């Protein structure tokens, strides 16, 4: 069930009998989460943050953030 939280959109979820939390399909699709895919849970100041754990292939497919030549790198 979708819940509006002030200016942000949030989702009201229930913790299952075995402690599982299942994100809504819309969230899973936006993040590209597949069944049994590992995720990272971080507790920060009383807030649970859920992050996708990217595979090495996904990381390598992302464009480089910094461009540097091998020669320039060697001179560092």
PDB file of N, CA and C in Angstrom:
ATOM      1  N   UNK A   1       0.849  -1.158   0.000  1.00  0.00           N
ATOM      2  CA  UNK A   1       0.000   0.000   0.000  1.00  0.00           C
ATOM      3  C   UNK A   1       0.897   1.224   0.000  1.00  0.00           C
ATOM      4  N   UNK A   2       0.672   2.134  -0.918  1.00  0.00           N
ATOM      5  CA  UNK A   2       1.491   3.337  -1.046  1.00  0.00           C
ATOM      6  C   UNK A   2       1.047   4.356  -0.005  1.00  0.00           C
ATOM      7  N   UNK A   3       2.010   5.021   0.621  1.00  0.00           N
ATOM      8  CA  UNK A   3       1.728   5.984   1.670  1.00  0.00           C
ATOM      9  C   UNK A   3       2.484   7.258   1.380  1.00  0.00           C
ATOM     10  N   UNK A   4       1.793   8.393   1.375  1.00  0.00           N
ATOM     11  CA  UNK A   4       2.461   9.661   1.133  1.00  0.00           C
ATOM     12  C   UNK A   4       3.030  10.169   2.450  1.00  0.00           C
ATOM     13  N   UNK A   5       4.317  10.439   2.473  1.00  0.00           N
ATOM     14  CA  UNK A   5       4.998  10.940   3.662  1.00  0.00           C
ATOM     15  C   UNK A   5       5.458  12.357   3.387  1.00  0.00           C
ATOM     16  N   UNK A   6       4.723  13.328   3.826  1.00  0.00           N
ATOM     17  CA  UNK A   6       4.958  14.754   3.552  1.00  0.00           C
ATOM     18  C   UNK A   6       5.238  14.949   2.066  1.00  0.00           C
ATOM     19  N   UNK A   7       6.438  15.401   1.694  1.00  0.00           N
ATOM     20  CA  UNK A   7       6.738  15.646   0.289  1.00  0.00           C
ATOM     21  C   UNK A   7       7.375  14.438  -0.383  1.00  0.00           C
ATOM     22  N   UNK A   8       7.656  13.403   0.372  1.00  0.00           N
ATOM     23  CA  UNK A   8       8.310  12.218  -0.175  1.00  0.00           C
ATOM     24  C   UNK A   8       7.286  11.103  -0.310  1.00  0.00           C
ATOM     25  N   UNK A   9       7.544  10.192  -1.233  1.00  0.00           N
ATOM     26  CA  UNK A   9       6.687   9.017  -1.368  1.00  0.00           C
ATOM     27  C   UNK A   9       7.329   7.869  -0.624  1.00  0.00           C
ATOM     28  N   UNK A  10       6.523   7.141   0.096  1.00  0.00           N
ATOM     29  CA  UNK A  10       7.009   6.004   0.844  1.00  0.00           C
ATOM     30  C   UNK A  10       6.057   4.837   0.675  1.00  0.00           C
ATOM     31  N   UNK A  11       6.406   3.732   1.222  1.00  0.00           N
ATOM     32  CA  UNK A  11       5.602   2.525   1.147  1.00  0.00           C
ATOM     33  C   UNK A  11       5.431   1.956   2.542  1.00  0.00           C
ATOM     34  N   UNK A  12       4.210   1.586   2.879  1.00  0.00           N
ATOM     35  CA  UNK A  12       3.924   0.932   4.149  1.00  0.00           C
ATOM     36  C   UNK A  12       4.055  -0.566   3.902  1.00  0.00           C
ATOM     37  N   UNK A  13       4.962  -1.206   4.612  1.00  0.00           N
ATOM     38  CA  UNK A  13       5.187  -2.644   4.473  1.00  0.00           C
ATOM     39  C   UNK A  13       5.016  -3.302   5.829  1.00  0.00           C
ATOM     40  N   UNK A  14       4.797  -4.602   5.810  1.00  0.00           N
ATOM     41  CA  UNK A  14       4.733  -5.380   7.042  1.00  0.00           C
ATOM     42  C   UNK A  14       5.888  -6.366   7.039  1.00  0.00           C
ATOM     43  N   UNK A  15       6.405  -6.636   8.224  1.00  0.00           N
ATOM     44  CA  UNK A  15       7.430  -7.659   8.384  1.00  0.00           C
ATOM     45  C   UNK A  15       6.705  -8.995   8.472  1.00  0.00           C
ATOM     46  N   UNK A  16       7.114  -9.952   7.642  1.00  0.00           N
ATOM     47  CA  UNK A  16       6.469 -11.263   7.616  1.00  0.00           C
ATOM     48  C   UNK A  16       6.780 -12.078   8.860  1.00  0.00           C
ATOM     49  N   UNK A  17       6.119 -13.206   8.985  1.00  0.00           N
ATOM     50  CA  UNK A  17       6.269 -14.090  10.147  1.00  0.00           C
ATOM     51  C   UNK A  17       7.709 -14.565  10.336  1.00  0.00           C
ATOM     52  N   UNK A  18       8.451 -14.683   9.249  1.00  0.00           N
ATOM     53  CA  UNK A  18       9.853 -15.123   9.316  1.00  0.00           C
ATOM     54  C   UNK A  18      10.822 -13.948   9.286  1.00  0.00           C
ATOM     55  N   UNK A  19      10.312 -12.709   9.415  1.00  0.00           N
ATOM     56  CA  UNK A  19      11.161 -11.528   9.440  1.00  0.00           C
ATOM     57  C   UNK A  19      11.463 -10.946   8.072  1.00  0.00           C
ATOM     58  N   UNK A  20      10.836 -11.465   7.028  1.00  0.00           N
ATOM     59  CA  UNK A  20      11.130 -10.986   5.680  1.00  0.00           C
ATOM     60  C   UNK A  20      10.403  -9.675   5.381  1.00  0.00           C
ATOM     61  N   UNK A  21      11.057  -8.847   4.571  1.00  0.00           N
ATOM     62  CA  UNK A  21      10.488  -7.600   4.082  1.00  0.00           C
ATOM     63  C   UNK A  21      10.577  -7.671   2.561  1.00  0.00           C
ATOM     64  N   UNK A  22       9.440  -7.554   1.879  1.00  0.00           N
ATOM     65  CA  UNK A  22       9.421  -7.644   0.416  1.00  0.00           C
ATOM     66  C   UNK A  22       9.075  -6.276  -0.158  1.00  0.00           C
ATOM     67  N   UNK A  23      10.032  -5.649  -0.854  1.00  0.00           N
ATOM     68  CA  UNK A  23       9.740  -4.350  -1.480  1.00  0.00           C
ATOM     69  C   UNK A  23       8.675  -4.506  -2.562  1.00  0.00           C
ATOM     70  N   UNK A  24       7.864  -3.476  -2.773  1.00  0.00           N
ATOM     71  CA  UNK A  24       6.862  -3.545  -3.836  1.00  0.00           C
ATOM     72  C   UNK A  24       7.510  -3.753  -5.208  1.00  0.00           C
ATOM     73  N   UNK A  25       6.734  -4.326  -6.129  1.00  0.00           N
ATOM     74  CA  UNK A  25       7.226  -4.625  -7.474  1.00  0.00           C
ATOM     75  C   UNK A  25       7.816  -3.389  -8.143  1.00  0.00           C
ATOM     76  N   UNK A  26       7.169  -2.239  -7.974  1.00  0.00           N
ATOM     77  CA  UNK A  26       7.648  -0.985  -8.586  1.00  0.00           C
ATOM     78  C   UNK A  26       9.080  -0.670  -8.144  1.00  0.00           C
ATOM     79  N   UNK A  27       9.369  -0.834  -6.867  1.00  0.00           N
ATOM     80  CA  UNK A  27      10.716  -0.577  -6.328  1.00  0.00           C
ATOM     81  C   UNK A  27      11.700  -1.614  -6.857  1.00  0.00           C
ATOM     82  N   UNK A  28      11.307  -2.897  -6.836  1.00  0.00           N
ATOM     83  CA  UNK A  28      12.204  -3.954  -7.337  1.00  0.00           C
ATOM     84  C   UNK A  28      12.562  -3.712  -8.796  1.00  0.00           C
ATOM     85  N   UNK A  29      11.585  -3.285  -9.591  1.00  0.00           N
ATOM     86  CA  UNK A  29      11.850  -3.029 -11.010  1.00  0.00           C
ATOM     87  C   UNK A  29      12.759  -1.816 -11.197  1.00  0.00           C
ATOM     88  N   UNK A  30      12.529  -0.730 -10.441  1.00  0.00           N
ATOM     89  CA  UNK A  30      13.366   0.467 -10.563  1.00  0.00           C
ATOM     90  C   UNK A  30      14.820   0.180 -10.199  1.00  0.00           C
ATOM     91  N   UNK A  31      15.029  -0.681  -9.193  1.00  0.00           N
ATOM     92  CA  UNK A  31      16.386  -1.003  -8.760  1.00  0.00           C
ATOM     93  C   UNK A  31      16.985  -2.182  -9.511  1.00  0.00           C
ATOM     94  N   UNK A  32      16.160  -2.876 -10.287  1.00  0.00           N
ATOM     95  CA  UNK A  32      16.645  -4.058 -10.999  1.00  0.00           C
ATOM     96  C   UNK A  32      16.909  -5.223 -10.067  1.00  0.00           C
ATOM     97  N   UNK A  33      16.124  -5.332  -8.993  1.00  0.00           N
ATOM     98  CA  UNK A  33      16.304  -6.417  -8.031  1.00  0.00           C
ATOM     99  C   UNK A  33      15.674  -7.702  -8.552  1.00  0.00           C
ATOM    100  N   UNK A  34      16.427  -8.773  -8.492  1.00  0.00           N
ATOM    101  CA  UNK A  34      15.942 -10.082  -8.928  1.00  0.00           C
ATOM    102  C   UNK A  34      15.735 -10.961  -7.691  1.00  0.00           C
ATOM    103  N   UNK A  35      15.000 -12.033  -7.851  1.00  0.00           N
ATOM    104  CA  UNK A  35      14.765 -12.968  -6.756  1.00  0.00           C
ATOM    105  C   UNK A  35      16.095 -13.507  -6.228  1.00  0.00           C
ATOM    106  N   UNK A  36      16.222 -13.566  -4.926  1.00  0.00           N
ATOM    107  CA  UNK A  36      17.416 -14.090  -4.227  1.00  0.00           C
ATOM    108  C   UNK A  36      18.668 -13.241  -4.429  1.00  0.00           C
ATOM    109  N   UNK A  37      18.522 -12.021  -4.930  1.00  0.00           N
ATOM    110  CA  UNK A  37      19.680 -11.146  -5.113  1.00  0.00           C
ATOM    111  C   UNK A  37      20.101 -10.561  -3.771  1.00  0.00           C
ATOM    112  N   UNK A  38      21.397 -10.534  -3.483  1.00  0.00           N
ATOM    113  CA  UNK A  38      21.855  -9.933  -2.227  1.00  0.00           C
ATOM    114  C   UNK A  38      21.619  -8.428  -2.207  1.00  0.00           C
ATOM    115  N   UNK A  39      21.275  -7.907  -1.052  1.00  0.00           N
ATOM    116  CA  UNK A  39      21.124  -6.473  -0.834  1.00  0.00           C
ATOM    117  C   UNK A  39      21.891  -6.111   0.431  1.00  0.00           C
ATOM    118  N   UNK A  40      22.094  -4.825   0.650  1.00  0.00           N
ATOM    119  CA  UNK A  40      22.793  -4.342   1.835  1.00  0.00           C
ATOM    120  C   UNK A  40      21.790  -3.584   2.698  1.00  0.00           C
ATOM    121  N   UNK A  41      21.745  -3.907   3.982  1.00  0.00           N
ATOM    122  CA  UNK A  41      20.916  -3.181   4.938  1.00  0.00           C
ATOM    123  C   UNK A  41      21.830  -2.390   5.851  1.00  0.00           C
ATOM    124  N   UNK A  42      21.565  -1.093   5.982  1.00  0.00           N
ATOM    125  CA  UNK A  42      22.366  -0.217   6.827  1.00  0.00           C
ATOM    126  C   UNK A  42      21.428   0.475   7.802  1.00  0.00           C
ATOM    127  N   UNK A  43      21.748   0.431   9.070  1.00  0.00           N
ATOM    128  CA  UNK A  43      20.984   1.153  10.078  1.00  0.00           C
ATOM    129  C   UNK A  43      21.735   2.444  10.372  1.00  0.00           C
ATOM    130  N   UNK A  44      21.102   3.587  10.066  1.00  0.00           N
ATOM    131  CA  UNK A  44      21.742   4.889  10.233  1.00  0.00           C
ATOM    132  C   UNK A  44      20.798   5.815  10.984  1.00  0.00           C
ATOM    133  N   UNK A  45      21.176   6.168  12.192  1.00  0.00           N
ATOM    134  CA  UNK A  45      20.386   7.085  13.020  1.00  0.00           C
ATOM    135  C   UNK A  45      18.911   6.699  13.097  1.00  0.00           C
ATOM    136  N   UNK A  46      18.667   5.432  13.322  1.00  0.00           N
ATOM    137  CA  UNK A  46      17.300   4.955  13.474  1.00  0.00           C
ATOM    138  C   UNK A  46      16.552   4.741  12.174  1.00  0.00           C
ATOM    139  N   UNK A  47      17.238   4.853  11.043  1.00  0.00           N
ATOM    140  CA  UNK A  47      16.615   4.658   9.739  1.00  0.00           C
ATOM    141  C   UNK A  47      17.252   3.454   9.051  1.00  0.00           C
ATOM    142  N   UNK A  48      16.427   2.579   8.510  1.00  0.00           N
ATOM    143  CA  UNK A  48      16.919   1.428   7.772  1.00  0.00           C
ATOM    144  C   UNK A  48      17.078   1.822   6.305  1.00  0.00           C
ATOM    145  N   UNK A  49      18.283   1.670   5.788  1.00  0.00           N
ATOM    146  CA  UNK A  49      18.582   1.982   4.389  1.00  0.00           C
ATOM    147  C   UNK A  49      18.833   0.659   3.680  1.00  0.00           C
ATOM    148  N   UNK A  50      18.135   0.452   2.572  1.00  0.00           N
ATOM    149  CA  UNK A  50      18.279  -0.773   1.789  1.00  0.00           C
ATOM    150  C   UNK A  50      18.928  -0.398   0.467  1.00  0.00           C
ATOM    151  N   UNK A  51      20.052  -1.048   0.148  1.00  0.00           N
ATOM    152  CA  UNK A  51      20.769  -0.731  -1.088  1.00  0.00           C
ATOM    153  C   UNK A  51      21.008  -2.008  -1.877  1.00  0.00           C
ATOM    154  N   UNK A  52      20.939  -1.872  -3.177  1.00  0.00           N
ATOM    155  CA  UNK A  52      21.241  -2.993  -4.051  1.00  0.00           C
ATOM    156  C   UNK A  52      22.737  -3.268  -4.001  1.00  0.00           C
ATOM    157  N   UNK A  53      23.104  -4.523  -3.965  1.00  0.00           N
ATOM    158  CA  UNK A  53      24.504  -4.919  -4.048  1.00  0.00           C
ATOM    159  C   UNK A  53      24.784  -5.226  -5.515  1.00  0.00           C
ATOM    160  N   UNK A  54      25.572  -4.382  -6.168  1.00  0.00           N
ATOM    161  CA  UNK A  54      25.828  -4.531  -7.595  1.00  0.00           C
ATOM    162  C   UNK A  54      26.831  -5.646  -7.851  1.00  0.00           C
ATOM    163  N   UNK A  55      26.595  -6.386  -8.927  1.00  0.00           N
ATOM    164  CA  UNK A  55      27.539  -7.421  -9.348  1.00  0.00           C
ATOM    165  C   UNK A  55      28.736  -6.743 -10.022  1.00  0.00           C
ATOM    166  N   UNK A  56      29.815  -7.466 -10.157  1.00  0.00           N
ATOM    167  CA  UNK A  56      31.001  -6.925 -10.824  1.00  0.00           C
ATOM    168  C   UNK A  56      30.677  -6.539 -12.262  1.00  0.00           C
ATOM    169  N   UNK A  57      29.880  -7.350 -12.946  1.00  0.00           N
ATOM    170  CA  UNK A  57      29.489  -7.028 -14.327  1.00  0.00           C
ATOM    171  C   UNK A  57      28.741  -5.704 -14.389  1.00  0.00           C
ATOM    172  N   UNK A  58      27.811  -5.455 -13.445  1.00  0.00           N
ATOM    173  CA  UNK A  58      27.063  -4.199 -13.429  1.00  0.00           C
ATOM    174  C   UNK A  58      27.983  -3.010 -13.174  1.00  0.00           C
ATOM    175  N   UNK A  59      28.953  -3.184 -12.302  1.00  0.00           N
ATOM    176  CA  UNK A  59      29.897  -2.108 -11.994  1.00  0.00           C
ATOM    177  C   UNK A  59      30.764  -1.789 -13.217  1.00  0.00           C
ATOM    178  N   UNK A  60      31.242  -2.825 -13.889  1.00  0.00           N
ATOM    179  CA  UNK A  60      32.117  -2.616 -15.041  1.00  0.00           C
ATOM    180  C   UNK A  60      31.384  -2.030 -16.241  1.00  0.00           C
ATOM    181  N   UNK A  61      30.054  -2.185 -16.306  1.00  0.00           N
ATOM    182  CA  UNK A  61      29.272  -1.634 -17.406  1.00  0.00           C
ATOM    183  C   UNK A  61      28.986  -0.146 -17.221  1.00  0.00           C
ATOM    184  N   UNK A  62      29.186   0.367 -16.021  1.00  0.00           N
ATOM    185  CA  UNK A  62      28.939   1.787 -15.769  1.00  0.00           C
ATOM    186  C   UNK A  62      30.077   2.614 -16.366  1.00  0.00           C
ATOM    187  N   UNK A  63      29.761   3.784 -16.897  1.00  0.00           N
ATOM    188  CA  UNK A  63      30.818   4.628 -17.463  1.00  0.00           C
ATOM    189  C   UNK A  63      31.781   5.098 -16.377  1.00  0.00           C
ATOM    190  N   UNK A  64      33.026   5.248 -16.756  1.00  0.00           N
ATOM    191  CA  UNK A  64      34.039   5.710 -15.807  1.00  0.00           C
ATOM    192  C   UNK A  64      33.722   7.133 -15.359  1.00  0.00           C
ATOM    193  N   UNK A  65      33.945   7.418 -14.085  1.00  0.00           N
ATOM    194  CA  UNK A  65      33.682   8.753 -13.553  1.00  0.00           C
ATOM    195  C   UNK A  65      34.877   9.681 -13.767  1.00  0.00           C
ATOM    196  N   UNK A  66      36.060   9.097 -13.902  1.00  0.00           N
ATOM    197  CA  UNK A  66      37.274   9.886 -14.086  1.00  0.00           C
ATOM    198  C   UNK A  66      38.044   9.287 -15.259  1.00  0.00           C
ATOM    199  N   UNK A  67      38.532  10.144 -16.112  1.00  0.00           N
ATOM    200  CA  UNK A  67      39.343   9.689 -17.234  1.00  0.00           C
ATOM    201  C   UNK A  67      40.776  10.123 -16.989  1.00  0.00           C
ATOM    202  N   UNK A  68      41.667   9.147 -17.036  1.00  0.00           N
ATOM    203  CA  UNK A  68      43.089   9.444 -16.842  1.00  0.00           C
ATOM    204  C   UNK A  68      43.887   8.463 -17.700  1.00  0.00           C
ATOM    205  N   UNK A  69      44.925   8.946 -18.313  1.00  0.00           N
ATOM    206  CA  UNK A  69      45.752   8.067 -19.136  1.00  0.00           C
ATOM    207  C   UNK A  69      46.637   7.217 -18.234  1.00  0.00           C
ATOM    208  N   UNK A  70      47.106   6.124 -18.778  1.00  0.00           N
ATOM    209  CA  UNK A  70      48.002   5.261 -18.030  1.00  0.00           C
ATOM    210  C   UNK A  70      49.274   6.015 -17.646  1.00  0.00           C
ATOM    211  N   UNK A  71      49.791   6.804 -18.560  1.00  0.00           N
ATOM    212  CA  UNK A  71      51.014   7.567 -18.299  1.00  0.00           C
ATOM    213  C   UNK A  71      50.795   8.550 -17.149  1.00  0.00           C
ATOM    214  N   UNK A  72      49.688   9.273 -17.171  1.00  0.00           N
ATOM    215  CA  UNK A  72      49.383  10.223 -16.089  1.00  0.00           C
ATOM    216  C   UNK A  72      49.221   9.497 -14.761  1.00  0.00           C
ATOM    217  N   UNK A  73      48.609   8.325 -14.791  1.00  0.00           N
ATOM    218  CA  UNK A  73      48.428   7.533 -13.583  1.00  0.00           C
ATOM    219  C   UNK A  73      49.779   7.104 -13.013  1.00  0.00           C
ATOM    220  N   UNK A  74      50.697   6.703 -13.872  1.00  0.00           N
ATOM    221  CA  UNK A  74      52.029   6.278 -13.427  1.00  0.00           C
ATOM    222  C   UNK A  74      52.794   7.432 -12.779  1.00  0.00           C
ATOM    223  N   UNK A  75      52.526   8.658 -13.222  1.00  0.00           N
ATOM    224  CA  UNK A  75      53.241   9.820 -12.692  1.00  0.00           C
ATOM    225  C   UNK A  75      52.703  10.293 -11.346  1.00  0.00           C
ATOM    226  N   UNK A  76      51.577   9.743 -10.917  1.00  0.00           N
ATOM    227  CA  UNK A  76      51.008  10.160  -9.619  1.00  0.00           C
ATOM    228  C   UNK A  76      51.859   9.735  -8.452  1.00  0.00           C
TER     229      UNK A  76
END
